[in-house]
Amino acid sequence: MSVTERFRDFAASIHCAFKEGEPLSAYTSFRIGGPAELILFPQSAQMLRQIMSFCAETQTVPFVLGKGSNLLIDDRGLSGVTICTERMQNCELLSENEILCEAGLPLSKLCLFAQSHGLAGLEFAYGIPGSVGGAVYMNAGAYGGEIRDVLSCVTSADRLGRQHVHTRDDLELGYRTSVFQTNGEIVLSGIFQLDKGDPDQIRVRMDEILQRRKDKQPLNYPSAGSVFKRPQGYFAGALIEQCGLKGFSVGGAQVSEKHAGFIVNRGGASSSDVLRLIEIIRETVEKETGVVLEPEIRRIP
């Protein structure tokens, strides 16, 4: 029996939904990515831990996918096992100023949940297109705020399916980085500690931030958000525009005409189109300005 067949049988035994040959372009904000050999959809942290334990038993290293908002997945797709957390969306109030939510919850839904309970502090994240797990993994941030400002602790699973609880100080949260990028653990859930506030005022702030996103970012085309990390002392988009690359295209991939820090999929863009465009941008910016741009999006595999 092949590993895929064993996983199919295992998924059925724990009542976990799965699909074979599913195009991953449907699960990424770039709308790019080939088929997954097998993709599992755990509905709870416990189910995900069972899957991780079975992965260890079969010596399988899975790829874990949230909302796919910061990824470039190869057009050839992914062999082996992919785990998608999109069905892990439980969210609840733990105390008058604490929210517990699972990794698959879209970040904007967490922001709306907090606002509805008069809890402030997450306004900066409204409109960030990722999941809670991805936001923790990348220490997502915008408009003066970061996840580490509001995160209290995280529950995770290691490669053997064992559960761990980490306080914020354990997480090595820095600019677009966390300990989860090196320790192999998967975010299961997080607790966010917020401040009491007026729901109407919180909503006004959220709407202001969302409007700023709409005004400045190319939300009318698929993208993976900011392509490059912010170089110290500079803004990546300004450097790219300065080099005359705004609107430059490779195949269906284009440097956004609205914000040069974004690469957009104008239709039919391949992963190789995006990679070639990133290479041209980096080479041009370094040659003309001396600044080396570091990609923020993750290339998979």
Protein backbone atom coordinates (compact mmCIF):
# COMPACT_ATOMS: atom_id res chain seq x y z
CA MET A 1 0.00 0.00 0.00
CA SER A 2 1.36 3.44 -0.96
CA VAL A 3 1.72 6.28 1.54
CA THR A 4 -1.12 8.14 -0.19
CA GLU A 5 -3.40 5.13 0.14
CA ARG A 6 -2.48 4.76 3.81
CA PHE A 7 -3.30 8.42 4.42
CA ARG A 8 -6.62 8.09 2.60
CA ASP A 9 -7.57 5.19 4.86
CA PHE A 10 -6.32 7.02 7.94
CA ALA A 11 -8.24 10.21 7.07
CA ALA A 12 -11.41 8.18 6.62
CA SER A 13 -10.87 6.47 9.97
CA ILE A 14 -10.76 9.79 11.86
CA HIS A 15 -13.51 11.38 9.70
CA CYS A 16 -11.14 13.93 8.19
CA ALA A 17 -12.13 15.34 4.79
CA PHE A 18 -9.56 15.01 2.02
CA LYS A 19 -9.14 15.56 -1.72
CA GLU A 20 -6.75 14.17 -4.30
CA GLY A 21 -5.25 16.14 -7.17
CA GLU A 22 -6.84 19.36 -5.92
CA PRO A 23 -5.46 22.50 -7.66
CA LEU A 24 -3.70 24.58 -5.02
CA SER A 25 -4.32 27.73 -7.06
CA ALA A 26 -7.76 27.68 -5.43
CA TYR A 27 -6.12 27.96 -1.99
CA THR A 28 -3.65 30.81 -2.59
CA SER A 29 -4.32 34.53 -2.90
CA PHE A 30 -1.97 34.57 -5.94
CA ARG A 31 -4.26 32.04 -7.67
CA ILE A 32 -1.10 30.15 -8.65
CA GLY A 33 -0.16 26.56 -7.80
CA GLY A 34 -0.42 23.08 -9.23
CA PRO A 35 -2.27 20.08 -7.78
CA ALA A 36 -1.77 18.59 -4.34
CA GLU A 37 -1.28 14.83 -4.43
CA LEU A 38 -3.38 14.59 -1.26
CA ILE A 39 -4.79 17.42 0.84
CA LEU A 40 -6.36 16.90 4.28
CA PHE A 41 -8.78 19.26 6.02
CA PRO A 42 -8.68 18.75 9.81
CA GLN A 43 -11.60 20.28 11.67
CA SER A 44 -9.92 20.65 15.06
CA ALA A 45 -6.57 20.93 16.79
CA GLN A 46 -6.99 17.37 18.08
CA MET A 47 -7.52 16.04 14.55
CA LEU A 48 -4.47 17.92 13.26
CA ARG A 49 -2.37 16.42 16.06
CA GLN A 50 -3.58 12.94 15.08
CA ILE A 51 -2.52 13.64 11.50
CA MET A 52 0.92 14.83 12.62
CA SER A 53 1.35 11.68 14.71
CA PHE A 54 0.48 9.55 11.69
CA CYS A 55 2.91 11.59 9.57
CA ALA A 56 5.67 10.72 12.04
CA GLU A 57 4.66 7.06 11.98
CA THR A 58 4.89 6.98 8.18
CA GLN A 59 7.99 9.24 8.05
CA THR A 60 6.04 11.81 6.05
CA VAL A 61 6.78 15.54 6.20
CA PRO A 62 3.55 17.40 5.35
CA PHE A 63 3.15 20.90 3.99
CA VAL A 64 0.79 23.00 6.12
CA LEU A 65 -1.39 25.58 4.38
CA GLY A 66 -3.58 28.28 5.88
CA LYS A 67 -5.16 30.89 3.61
CA GLY A 68 -2.17 30.87 1.26
CA SER A 69 -1.83 34.65 1.27
CA ASN A 70 1.95 34.83 1.41
CA LEU A 71 2.89 31.87 -0.79
CA LEU A 72 4.08 31.11 -4.29
CA ILE A 73 3.38 27.44 -4.98
CA ASP A 74 5.06 25.78 -7.95
CA ASP A 75 2.89 25.04 -10.98
CA ARG A 76 3.95 21.40 -10.76
CA GLY A 77 2.08 21.18 -7.47
CA LEU A 78 3.03 19.32 -4.32
CA SER A 79 3.66 15.63 -3.88
CA GLY A 80 2.92 13.84 -0.63
CA VAL A 81 0.59 15.24 2.00
CA THR A 82 -0.72 18.79 2.36
CA ILE A 83 -2.67 19.85 5.44
CA CYS A 84 -5.08 22.77 5.09
CA THR A 85 -6.25 24.41 8.34
CA GLU A 86 -9.10 26.41 6.78
CA ARG A 87 -11.78 24.44 8.68
CA MET A 88 -10.18 25.12 12.10
CA GLN A 89 -12.02 28.35 12.87
CA ASN A 90 -13.26 28.12 16.46
CA CYS A 91 -13.17 31.52 18.19
CA GLU A 92 -14.32 32.32 21.70
CA LEU A 93 -14.04 34.86 24.48
CA LEU A 94 -11.88 33.56 27.36
CA SER A 95 -12.25 36.59 29.61
CA GLU A 96 -13.38 40.18 29.32
CA ASN A 97 -10.24 41.02 27.31
CA GLU A 98 -8.92 37.70 25.95
CA ILE A 99 -9.85 35.83 22.78
CA LEU A 100 -8.91 32.24 21.96
CA CYS A 101 -9.04 31.30 18.29
CA GLU A 102 -7.86 28.44 16.10
CA ALA A 103 -5.21 28.77 13.43
CA GLY A 104 -7.50 28.56 10.41
CA LEU A 105 -9.62 31.57 11.33
CA PRO A 106 -9.20 34.41 8.82
CA LEU A 107 -7.52 37.35 10.50
CA SER A 108 -10.26 39.75 9.41
CA LYS A 109 -12.87 37.52 11.15
CA LEU A 110 -10.83 37.73 14.35
CA CYS A 111 -10.80 41.53 14.01
CA LEU A 112 -14.57 41.61 13.58
CA PHE A 113 -15.09 39.27 16.55
CA ALA A 114 -12.93 41.54 18.72
CA GLN A 115 -14.77 44.65 17.56
CA SER A 116 -18.16 43.10 18.27
CA HIS A 117 -17.05 42.50 21.87
CA GLY A 118 -15.62 45.99 22.32
CA LEU A 119 -12.00 44.86 22.27
CA ALA A 120 -9.36 47.12 20.72
CA GLY A 121 -5.83 46.44 19.52
CA LEU A 122 -6.35 44.40 16.36
CA GLU A 123 -7.51 47.23 14.11
CA PHE A 124 -4.17 47.27 12.25
CA ALA A 125 -4.80 43.71 11.05
CA TYR A 126 -8.18 44.36 9.44
CA GLY A 127 -7.86 43.53 5.77
CA ILE A 128 -4.69 41.47 6.08
CA PRO A 129 -5.73 38.46 3.96
CA GLY A 130 -4.12 35.68 5.99
CA SER A 131 -5.20 33.25 8.69
CA VAL A 132 -4.40 33.51 12.39
CA GLY A 133 -1.83 30.71 12.07
CA GLY A 134 -0.09 32.41 9.17
CA ALA A 135 -0.18 35.76 10.93
CA VAL A 136 1.55 34.26 13.97
CA TYR A 137 4.05 32.38 11.79
CA MET A 138 5.03 35.63 10.01
CA ASN A 139 4.35 38.05 12.89
CA ALA A 140 2.11 39.91 10.47
CA GLY A 141 1.91 43.64 10.80
CA ALA A 142 0.68 46.85 9.20
CA TYR A 143 -0.02 50.48 9.99
CA GLY A 144 2.10 50.58 13.11
CA GLY A 145 0.93 47.32 14.66
CA GLU A 146 2.18 43.73 14.76
CA ILE A 147 0.78 40.43 15.99
CA ARG A 148 3.35 40.34 18.79
CA ASP A 149 1.71 43.48 20.27
CA VAL A 150 -1.50 41.58 21.05
CA LEU A 151 -0.52 37.90 21.21
CA SER A 152 -0.45 36.36 24.68
CA CYS A 153 0.41 32.72 24.01
CA VAL A 154 0.26 30.04 21.32
CA THR A 155 -0.58 26.34 21.36
CA SER A 156 1.28 24.30 18.75
CA ALA A 157 1.93 20.74 17.65
CA ASP A 158 5.35 19.31 16.91
CA ARG A 159 6.19 16.80 14.19
CA LEU A 160 5.20 13.93 16.49
CA GLY A 161 1.79 15.43 17.21
CA ARG A 162 2.70 16.46 20.76
CA GLN A 163 1.11 19.65 22.05
CA HIS A 164 3.13 22.62 23.33
CA VAL A 165 2.13 25.93 24.86
CA HIS A 166 4.40 28.94 24.30
CA THR A 167 4.19 32.36 25.90
CA ARG A 168 4.85 35.40 23.72
CA ASP A 169 8.42 35.65 25.04
CA ASP A 170 9.15 32.13 23.76
CA LEU A 171 8.14 32.92 20.19
CA GLU A 172 11.09 35.04 18.99
CA LEU A 173 8.70 37.37 17.21
CA GLY A 174 10.58 39.80 15.00
CA TYR A 175 10.05 41.55 11.68
CA ARG A 176 8.11 38.96 9.65
CA THR A 177 9.60 36.11 11.63
CA SER A 178 8.89 33.75 14.52
CA VAL A 179 10.29 30.61 16.12
CA PHE A 180 7.84 28.53 14.06
CA GLN A 181 9.91 29.18 10.96
CA THR A 182 12.73 27.12 12.46
CA ASN A 183 11.33 24.75 15.08
CA GLY A 184 9.05 22.70 12.79
CA GLU A 185 5.98 23.17 14.98
CA ILE A 186 2.53 24.01 13.63
CA VAL A 187 0.34 26.71 15.15
CA LEU A 188 -2.92 25.25 16.49
CA SER A 189 -4.40 28.27 18.25
CA GLY A 190 -3.54 31.57 19.86
CA ILE A 191 -4.74 33.72 22.74
CA PHE A 192 -4.95 37.47 22.09
CA GLN A 193 -4.96 39.96 24.94
CA LEU A 194 -6.72 43.18 24.02
CA ASP A 195 -7.98 46.43 25.56
CA LYS A 196 -11.55 47.39 26.27
CA GLY A 197 -12.88 50.00 23.90
CA ASP A 198 -15.94 51.44 22.25
CA PRO A 199 -17.18 49.13 19.46
CA ASP A 200 -18.24 52.06 17.26
CA GLN A 201 -14.87 53.79 17.57
CA ILE A 202 -13.04 50.51 16.92
CA ARG A 203 -15.13 49.97 13.78
CA VAL A 204 -14.37 53.48 12.54
CA ARG A 205 -10.64 52.80 12.92
CA MET A 206 -10.96 49.44 11.16
CA ASP A 207 -12.84 51.00 8.26
CA GLU A 208 -10.23 53.77 7.97
CA ILE A 209 -7.45 51.21 7.72
CA LEU A 210 -9.37 49.12 5.19
CA GLN A 211 -9.96 52.20 3.05
CA ARG A 212 -6.25 53.03 3.16
CA ARG A 213 -5.57 49.51 1.88
CA LYS A 214 -8.06 49.93 -0.95
CA ASP A 215 -6.58 53.31 -1.87
CA LYS A 216 -2.95 52.15 -1.93
CA GLN A 217 -2.94 48.44 -2.74
CA PRO A 218 -3.92 46.56 -5.93
CA LEU A 219 -6.74 44.57 -4.39
CA ASN A 220 -8.46 44.12 -7.76
CA TYR A 221 -5.87 41.52 -8.86
CA PRO A 222 -4.62 38.33 -7.20
CA SER A 223 -1.34 38.83 -5.35
CA ALA A 224 0.62 37.56 -2.38
CA GLY A 225 0.86 40.94 -0.70
CA SER A 226 4.17 42.75 -0.34
CA VAL A 227 6.78 40.81 -2.30
CA PHE A 228 9.82 42.09 -0.40
CA LYS A 229 10.64 42.85 3.20
CA ARG A 230 11.19 46.49 4.02
CA PRO A 231 14.93 47.23 3.63
CA GLN A 232 16.34 49.27 6.49
CA GLY A 233 16.03 52.95 5.72
CA TYR A 234 14.01 52.42 2.53
CA PHE A 235 10.67 51.31 1.14
CA ALA A 236 10.83 48.45 -1.36
CA GLY A 237 7.99 49.80 -3.50
CA ALA A 238 9.61 53.23 -3.80
CA LEU A 239 12.95 51.69 -4.84
CA ILE A 240 11.26 49.52 -7.46
CA GLU A 241 9.33 52.48 -8.85
CA GLN A 242 12.51 54.60 -8.82
CA CYS A 243 14.11 51.98 -11.06
CA GLY A 244 11.33 52.33 -13.63
CA LEU A 245 9.86 48.89 -13.06
CA LYS A 246 6.30 49.89 -12.22
CA GLY A 247 4.05 48.04 -14.67
CA PHE A 248 6.88 45.79 -15.91
CA SER A 249 5.63 42.30 -16.80
CA VAL A 250 6.86 38.77 -17.31
CA GLY A 251 4.09 36.65 -18.80
CA GLY A 252 0.98 37.12 -16.69
CA ALA A 253 2.92 38.51 -13.71
CA GLN A 254 3.23 42.28 -13.42
CA VAL A 255 4.75 44.82 -11.04
CA SER A 256 1.57 46.53 -9.93
CA GLU A 257 0.84 49.86 -11.59
CA LYS A 258 -0.80 50.97 -8.34
CA HIS A 259 1.88 49.91 -5.83
CA ALA A 260 5.30 48.74 -7.05
CA GLY A 261 5.84 46.66 -3.91
CA PHE A 262 3.27 44.16 -5.21
CA ILE A 263 3.41 41.65 -8.03
CA VAL A 264 -0.05 40.90 -9.39
CA ASN A 265 -1.44 38.06 -11.45
CA ARG A 266 -2.99 39.78 -14.46
CA GLY A 267 -4.28 36.45 -15.70
CA GLY A 268 -2.63 33.11 -16.25
CA ALA A 269 0.58 33.97 -14.42
CA SER A 270 2.78 30.96 -13.69
CA SER A 271 5.10 30.48 -10.74
CA SER A 272 8.05 30.75 -13.16
CA ASP A 273 6.71 34.12 -14.39
CA VAL A 274 6.68 35.43 -10.83
CA LEU A 275 10.11 34.03 -10.00
CA ARG A 276 11.65 35.54 -13.12
CA LEU A 277 10.05 38.91 -12.34
CA ILE A 278 11.36 38.79 -8.76
CA GLU A 279 14.85 38.05 -10.11
CA ILE A 280 14.70 41.01 -12.52
CA ILE A 281 13.49 43.34 -9.77
CA ARG A 282 16.24 42.28 -7.35
CA GLU A 283 18.99 42.54 -9.96
CA THR A 284 17.81 45.94 -11.18
CA VAL A 285 17.34 47.47 -7.74
CA GLU A 286 20.72 46.24 -6.50
CA LYS A 287 22.49 47.48 -9.64
CA GLU A 288 20.89 50.93 -9.58
CA THR A 289 20.62 51.59 -5.83
CA GLY A 290 22.95 49.14 -4.10
CA VAL A 291 20.06 47.86 -1.98
CA VAL A 292 19.52 44.09 -1.81
CA LEU A 293 15.83 43.23 -1.58
CA GLU A 294 14.88 40.19 0.47
CA PRO A 295 11.69 38.37 -0.59
CA GLU A 296 8.89 38.24 1.95
CA ILE A 297 6.72 35.74 0.09
CA ARG A 298 7.49 32.06 0.63
CA ARG A 299 8.33 29.91 -2.36
CA ILE A 300 6.87 26.38 -2.11
CA PRO A 301 8.55 23.94 -2.51
